[in-house]
N, C-alpha and C. Protein backbone atom coordinates (compact mmCIF):
# COMPACT_ATOMS: atom_id res chain seq x y z
N MET A 1 77.45 101.27 99.28
CA MET A 1 78.58 100.83 98.76
C MET A 1 79.78 100.93 99.77
N PRO A 2 80.44 99.83 100.10
CA PRO A 2 81.46 99.96 101.09
C PRO A 2 82.68 100.66 100.56
N HIS A 3 83.41 101.34 101.57
CA HIS A 3 84.58 102.07 101.24
C HIS A 3 85.70 101.14 101.03
N ASN A 4 86.38 101.21 99.94
CA ASN A 4 87.51 100.45 99.54
C ASN A 4 88.75 101.13 99.74
N VAL A 5 89.44 100.98 100.84
CA VAL A 5 90.66 101.72 101.19
C VAL A 5 91.76 101.55 100.16
N ASP A 6 91.95 100.28 99.79
CA ASP A 6 93.00 100.11 98.84
C ASP A 6 92.76 100.86 97.47
N ALA A 7 91.57 100.84 97.02
CA ALA A 7 91.24 101.57 95.75
C ALA A 7 91.47 103.05 95.98
N THR A 8 91.12 103.55 97.03
CA THR A 8 91.28 104.93 97.47
C THR A 8 92.78 105.33 97.45
N ARG A 9 93.59 104.45 98.13
CA ARG A 9 95.01 104.71 98.20
C ARG A 9 95.62 104.67 96.80
N LEU A 10 95.18 103.75 95.96
CA LEU A 10 95.72 103.60 94.60
C LEU A 10 95.38 104.87 93.81
N LEU A 11 94.16 105.40 93.95
CA LEU A 11 93.77 106.63 93.25
C LEU A 11 94.57 107.84 93.67
N ALA A 12 94.75 107.87 95.06
CA ALA A 12 95.51 108.99 95.69
C ALA A 12 96.93 108.95 95.10
N GLY A 13 97.55 107.85 94.98
CA GLY A 13 98.86 107.73 94.39
C GLY A 13 98.91 108.12 92.95
N LYS A 14 97.91 107.86 92.15
CA LYS A 14 97.87 108.15 90.81
C LYS A 14 97.69 109.76 90.68
N ILE A 15 96.94 110.38 91.59
CA ILE A 15 96.78 111.77 91.58
C ILE A 15 98.07 112.42 91.94
N GLU A 16 98.79 111.92 93.00
CA GLU A 16 100.10 112.45 93.40
C GLU A 16 101.03 112.37 92.15
N ASP A 17 101.09 111.30 91.53
CA ASP A 17 101.98 111.07 90.36
C ASP A 17 101.70 112.14 89.25
N THR A 18 100.35 112.39 89.01
CA THR A 18 99.97 113.33 87.92
C THR A 18 100.46 114.73 88.38
N LEU A 19 100.18 115.11 89.61
CA LEU A 19 100.57 116.44 90.07
C LEU A 19 102.12 116.60 90.03
N SER A 20 102.83 115.62 90.43
CA SER A 20 104.34 115.61 90.27
C SER A 20 104.75 115.84 88.88
N ALA A 21 104.18 115.10 87.96
CA ALA A 21 104.58 115.30 86.58
C ALA A 21 104.20 116.70 86.03
N GLU A 22 103.09 117.27 86.47
CA GLU A 22 102.68 118.59 86.06
C GLU A 22 103.66 119.62 86.61
N ARG A 23 104.10 119.40 87.83
CA ARG A 23 105.08 120.38 88.54
C ARG A 23 106.33 120.39 87.72
N ARG A 24 106.90 119.08 87.41
CA ARG A 24 108.08 119.04 86.61
C ARG A 24 107.98 119.77 85.29
N ARG A 25 106.82 119.47 84.64
CA ARG A 25 106.72 120.05 83.27
C ARG A 25 106.58 121.62 83.43
N LEU A 26 105.93 122.12 84.43
CA LEU A 26 105.76 123.66 84.55
C LEU A 26 107.15 124.20 84.97
N ARG A 27 107.91 123.51 85.72
CA ARG A 27 109.28 124.04 86.03
C ARG A 27 110.17 124.08 84.79
N ALA A 28 109.99 123.01 83.94
CA ALA A 28 110.82 122.95 82.67
C ALA A 28 110.45 124.15 81.80
N LEU A 29 109.10 124.51 81.83
CA LEU A 29 108.74 125.56 80.91
C LEU A 29 109.31 126.91 81.36
N LEU A 30 109.70 127.04 82.68
CA LEU A 30 110.35 128.29 83.14
C LEU A 30 111.59 128.58 82.40
N HIS A 31 112.26 127.50 81.95
CA HIS A 31 113.58 127.67 81.29
C HIS A 31 113.50 127.82 79.83
N GLU A 32 112.35 127.76 79.20
CA GLU A 32 112.21 128.03 77.78
C GLU A 32 112.04 129.53 77.61
N ASN A 33 112.64 129.97 76.50
CA ASN A 33 112.59 131.41 76.07
C ASN A 33 111.40 131.57 75.17
N ARG A 34 110.20 131.65 75.82
CA ARG A 34 108.95 131.67 74.97
C ARG A 34 108.04 132.71 75.57
N LEU A 35 107.47 133.51 74.74
CA LEU A 35 106.46 134.44 75.15
C LEU A 35 105.03 133.89 74.90
N TRP A 36 104.10 134.02 75.91
CA TRP A 36 102.79 133.58 75.65
C TRP A 36 101.83 134.72 75.76
N PRO A 37 100.85 134.83 74.88
CA PRO A 37 99.83 135.77 75.00
C PRO A 37 99.08 135.37 76.41
N HIS A 38 98.67 136.45 77.10
CA HIS A 38 98.12 136.20 78.43
C HIS A 38 96.89 135.28 78.39
N ALA A 39 96.04 135.52 77.35
CA ALA A 39 94.78 134.71 77.27
C ALA A 39 95.13 133.14 77.07
N GLU A 40 96.13 132.99 76.20
CA GLU A 40 96.55 131.59 76.01
C GLU A 40 97.16 130.95 77.25
N TRP A 41 98.01 131.64 77.89
CA TRP A 41 98.67 131.16 79.15
C TRP A 41 97.46 130.83 80.19
N ALA A 42 96.63 131.81 80.37
CA ALA A 42 95.55 131.60 81.26
C ALA A 42 94.69 130.38 81.04
N ARG A 43 94.33 130.22 79.76
CA ARG A 43 93.55 129.03 79.42
C ARG A 43 94.30 127.68 79.61
N TYR A 44 95.56 127.67 79.21
CA TYR A 44 96.28 126.40 79.39
C TYR A 44 96.86 126.09 80.70
N TYR A 45 97.16 127.15 81.49
CA TYR A 45 97.83 126.92 82.78
C TYR A 45 97.11 127.38 83.94
N ARG A 46 96.69 128.72 84.05
CA ARG A 46 96.15 129.18 85.21
C ARG A 46 94.69 128.78 85.42
N ASP A 47 93.97 128.41 84.45
CA ASP A 47 92.60 128.04 84.53
C ASP A 47 92.43 126.54 84.28
N HIS A 48 93.52 125.84 84.05
CA HIS A 48 93.41 124.43 83.78
C HIS A 48 93.19 123.66 85.07
N PRO A 49 92.29 122.65 85.11
CA PRO A 49 92.01 122.01 86.36
C PRO A 49 93.22 121.21 87.05
N ARG A 50 94.16 120.89 86.26
CA ARG A 50 95.37 120.23 86.86
C ARG A 50 96.52 121.23 87.19
N THR A 51 96.87 122.08 86.12
CA THR A 51 97.96 122.92 86.37
C THR A 51 97.61 124.04 87.31
N ALA A 52 96.48 124.44 87.46
CA ALA A 52 96.08 125.49 88.40
C ALA A 52 96.32 125.09 89.90
N VAL A 53 96.35 123.82 90.13
CA VAL A 53 96.54 123.36 91.57
C VAL A 53 97.90 122.78 91.85
N ALA A 54 98.84 122.91 90.82
CA ALA A 54 100.25 122.43 90.96
C ALA A 54 101.13 123.53 91.42
N PRO A 55 101.31 123.63 92.73
CA PRO A 55 102.20 124.70 93.26
C PRO A 55 103.59 124.67 92.80
């Protein structure tokens, strides 16, 4: 299967957009006055495949 550079660039752009949105959402959560049980926080944020890689 030949490498399609345009498709790869498009996918990379979508991934970047998703990570940017996750970063914005996580930063907004810092301003909420909410307490999370550790297990719930870990499941939804620390161990999640997207949020775990959003620095």
